[in-house]
Amino acid sequence: MRQVAAMLKAIHAQENRTAAQERAVKVVAELCEMALAKAADLIDSKFNGTLTYYSYPPNPLV
């Protein structure tokens, strides 16, 4: 399970939404190879909703 958690973190650690979407596709493929089809289906159907923070404007105070 730690490997799956690391995969999910890798999706959200990407620099932009496009890279995160590309990483999510790779994660889905990796999960299918690991015989975790239900997890792959869940990520495939729901990950776009978790990427909405990429559309927020950058924080100028940081």
N, C-alpha and C. Protein backbone atom coordinates (compact mmCIF):
# COMPACT_ATOMS: atom_id res chain seq x y z
N MET A 1 0.80 -1.20 0.00
CA MET A 1 0.00 0.00 0.00
C MET A 1 0.85 1.27 0.00
N ARG A 2 2.03 1.20 0.56
CA ARG A 2 2.90 2.38 0.54
C ARG A 2 3.25 2.77 -0.89
N GLN A 3 3.39 1.77 -1.74
CA GLN A 3 3.71 2.05 -3.13
C GLN A 3 2.56 2.79 -3.81
N VAL A 4 1.34 2.39 -3.50
CA VAL A 4 0.17 3.07 -4.08
C VAL A 4 0.08 4.50 -3.55
N ALA A 5 0.33 4.69 -2.28
CA ALA A 5 0.31 6.04 -1.70
C ALA A 5 1.35 6.92 -2.36
N ALA A 6 2.52 6.37 -2.61
CA ALA A 6 3.58 7.13 -3.29
C ALA A 6 3.16 7.49 -4.71
N MET A 7 2.45 6.60 -5.37
CA MET A 7 1.96 6.89 -6.73
C MET A 7 0.98 8.05 -6.71
N LEU A 8 0.08 8.04 -5.73
CA LEU A 8 -0.91 9.13 -5.64
C LEU A 8 -0.23 10.46 -5.32
N LYS A 9 0.74 10.43 -4.44
CA LYS A 9 1.48 11.65 -4.12
C LYS A 9 2.22 12.17 -5.35
N ALA A 10 2.73 11.26 -6.17
CA ALA A 10 3.46 11.66 -7.37
C ALA A 10 2.55 12.41 -8.35
N ILE A 11 1.29 12.02 -8.41
CA ILE A 11 0.34 12.72 -9.28
C ILE A 11 0.22 14.18 -8.85
N HIS A 12 0.02 14.39 -7.55
CA HIS A 12 -0.24 15.73 -7.04
C HIS A 12 1.02 16.55 -6.83
N ALA A 13 2.17 15.96 -6.99
CA ALA A 13 3.42 16.69 -6.83
C ALA A 13 3.92 17.30 -8.14
N GLN A 14 3.18 17.10 -9.20
CA GLN A 14 3.60 17.60 -10.50
C GLN A 14 3.50 19.13 -10.54
N GLU A 15 4.27 19.71 -11.42
CA GLU A 15 4.37 21.17 -11.50
C GLU A 15 3.13 21.84 -12.09
N ASN A 16 2.43 21.13 -12.97
CA ASN A 16 1.24 21.72 -13.58
C ASN A 16 0.20 20.64 -13.84
N ARG A 17 -0.99 21.08 -14.25
CA ARG A 17 -2.11 20.15 -14.44
C ARG A 17 -1.83 19.14 -15.55
N THR A 18 -1.22 19.57 -16.63
CA THR A 18 -0.93 18.66 -17.74
C THR A 18 0.00 17.53 -17.29
N ALA A 19 1.03 17.89 -16.57
CA ALA A 19 1.97 16.88 -16.07
C ALA A 19 1.28 15.94 -15.09
N ALA A 20 0.39 16.48 -14.26
CA ALA A 20 -0.34 15.65 -13.30
C ALA A 20 -1.26 14.68 -14.02
N GLN A 21 -1.91 15.14 -15.08
CA GLN A 21 -2.78 14.25 -15.86
C GLN A 21 -1.97 13.15 -16.53
N GLU A 22 -0.82 13.50 -17.07
CA GLU A 22 0.04 12.49 -17.70
C GLU A 22 0.52 11.47 -16.67
N ARG A 23 0.87 11.94 -15.49
CA ARG A 23 1.32 11.03 -14.43
C ARG A 23 0.18 10.13 -13.98
N ALA A 24 -1.03 10.66 -13.92
CA ALA A 24 -2.19 9.86 -13.52
C ALA A 24 -2.43 8.72 -14.50
N VAL A 25 -2.26 8.99 -15.78
CA VAL A 25 -2.42 7.93 -16.79
C VAL A 25 -1.40 6.83 -16.57
N LYS A 26 -0.17 7.22 -16.25
CA LYS A 26 0.88 6.23 -15.97
C LYS A 26 0.56 5.43 -14.71
N VAL A 27 0.05 6.11 -13.69
CA VAL A 27 -0.29 5.43 -12.44
C VAL A 27 -1.40 4.42 -12.67
N VAL A 28 -2.40 4.79 -13.46
CA VAL A 28 -3.49 3.86 -13.77
C VAL A 28 -2.93 2.61 -14.46
N ALA A 29 -2.04 2.80 -15.40
CA ALA A 29 -1.43 1.66 -16.10
C ALA A 29 -0.63 0.79 -15.12
N GLU A 30 0.12 1.43 -14.23
CA GLU A 30 0.91 0.68 -13.24
C GLU A 30 0.01 -0.11 -12.30
N LEU A 31 -1.09 0.48 -11.89
CA LEU A 31 -2.02 -0.22 -11.00
C LEU A 31 -2.67 -1.41 -11.69
N CYS A 32 -2.96 -1.27 -12.97
CA CYS A 32 -3.52 -2.39 -13.73
C CYS A 32 -2.51 -3.54 -13.80
N GLU A 33 -1.24 -3.20 -13.99
CA GLU A 33 -0.20 -4.22 -14.02
C GLU A 33 -0.05 -4.91 -12.67
N MET A 34 -0.36 -4.20 -11.59
CA MET A 34 -0.26 -4.76 -10.24
C MET A 34 -1.53 -5.52 -9.84
N ALA A 35 -2.45 -5.69 -10.77
CA ALA A 35 -3.73 -6.37 -10.54
C ALA A 35 -4.60 -5.60 -9.53
N LEU A 36 -4.53 -4.29 -9.59
CA LEU A 36 -5.36 -3.43 -8.75
C LEU A 36 -6.32 -2.65 -9.63
N ALA A 37 -7.12 -3.39 -10.37
CA ALA A 37 -8.01 -2.79 -11.36
C ALA A 37 -9.04 -1.85 -10.74
N LYS A 38 -9.57 -2.20 -9.56
CA LYS A 38 -10.56 -1.32 -8.93
C LYS A 38 -9.94 0.02 -8.56
N ALA A 39 -8.74 0.00 -8.02
CA ALA A 39 -8.05 1.25 -7.69
C ALA A 39 -7.76 2.04 -8.95
N ALA A 40 -7.36 1.35 -10.00
CA ALA A 40 -7.09 2.02 -11.28
C ALA A 40 -8.34 2.68 -11.83
N ASP A 41 -9.46 1.98 -11.75
CA ASP A 41 -10.72 2.55 -12.24
C ASP A 41 -11.14 3.76 -11.42
N LEU A 42 -10.94 3.69 -10.11
CA LEU A 42 -11.30 4.80 -9.24
C LEU A 42 -10.47 6.03 -9.56
N ILE A 43 -9.18 5.85 -9.70
CA ILE A 43 -8.31 6.98 -10.03
C ILE A 43 -8.65 7.53 -11.40
N ASP A 44 -8.86 6.65 -12.36
CA ASP A 44 -9.17 7.07 -13.72
C ASP A 44 -10.44 7.91 -13.78
N SER A 45 -11.43 7.54 -12.98
CA SER A 45 -12.71 8.25 -13.04
C SER A 45 -12.77 9.50 -12.17
N LYS A 46 -11.91 9.60 -11.15
CA LYS A 46 -12.04 10.69 -10.19
C LYS A 46 -10.87 11.66 -10.11
N PHE A 47 -9.73 11.35 -10.70
CA PHE A 47 -8.54 12.17 -10.46
C PHE A 47 -8.67 13.60 -10.97
N ASN A 48 -9.43 13.83 -12.03
CA ASN A 48 -9.56 15.20 -12.54
C ASN A 48 -10.16 16.15 -11.51
N GLY A 49 -11.06 15.63 -10.69
CA GLY A 49 -11.65 16.45 -9.64
C GLY A 49 -10.66 16.85 -8.56
N THR A 50 -9.62 16.07 -8.39
CA THR A 50 -8.62 16.39 -7.37
C THR A 50 -7.55 17.34 -7.89
N LEU A 51 -7.62 17.69 -9.14
CA LEU A 51 -6.60 18.57 -9.73
C LEU A 51 -7.08 20.01 -9.89
N THR A 52 -8.21 20.33 -9.31
CA THR A 52 -8.77 21.67 -9.50
C THR A 52 -7.88 22.77 -8.93
N TYR A 53 -7.07 22.45 -7.94
CA TYR A 53 -6.21 23.48 -7.35
C TYR A 53 -5.19 24.02 -8.34
N TYR A 54 -4.94 23.30 -9.42
CA TYR A 54 -4.01 23.81 -10.43
C TYR A 54 -4.58 25.03 -11.16
N SER A 55 -5.90 25.20 -11.11
CA SER A 55 -6.51 26.34 -11.81
C SER A 55 -6.56 27.59 -10.93
N TYR A 56 -6.19 27.49 -9.66
CA TYR A 56 -6.16 28.65 -8.78
C TYR A 56 -4.99 29.55 -9.17
N PRO A 57 -5.16 30.85 -9.00
CA PRO A 57 -4.03 31.75 -9.30
C PRO A 57 -2.92 31.54 -8.26
N PRO A 58 -1.69 31.77 -8.68
CA PRO A 58 -0.59 31.62 -7.72
C PRO A 58 -0.69 32.64 -6.59
N ASN A 59 -0.19 32.25 -5.45
CA ASN A 59 -0.22 33.13 -4.29
C ASN A 59 0.96 34.11 -4.37
N PRO A 60 0.71 35.40 -4.51
CA PRO A 60 1.82 36.35 -4.66
C PRO A 60 2.61 36.58 -3.37
N LEU A 61 2.08 36.12 -2.25
CA LEU A 61 2.75 36.33 -0.97
C LEU A 61 3.78 35.26 -0.65
N VAL A 62 3.81 34.22 -1.44
CA VAL A 62 4.74 33.12 -1.15
C VAL A 62 6.05 33.36 -1.85
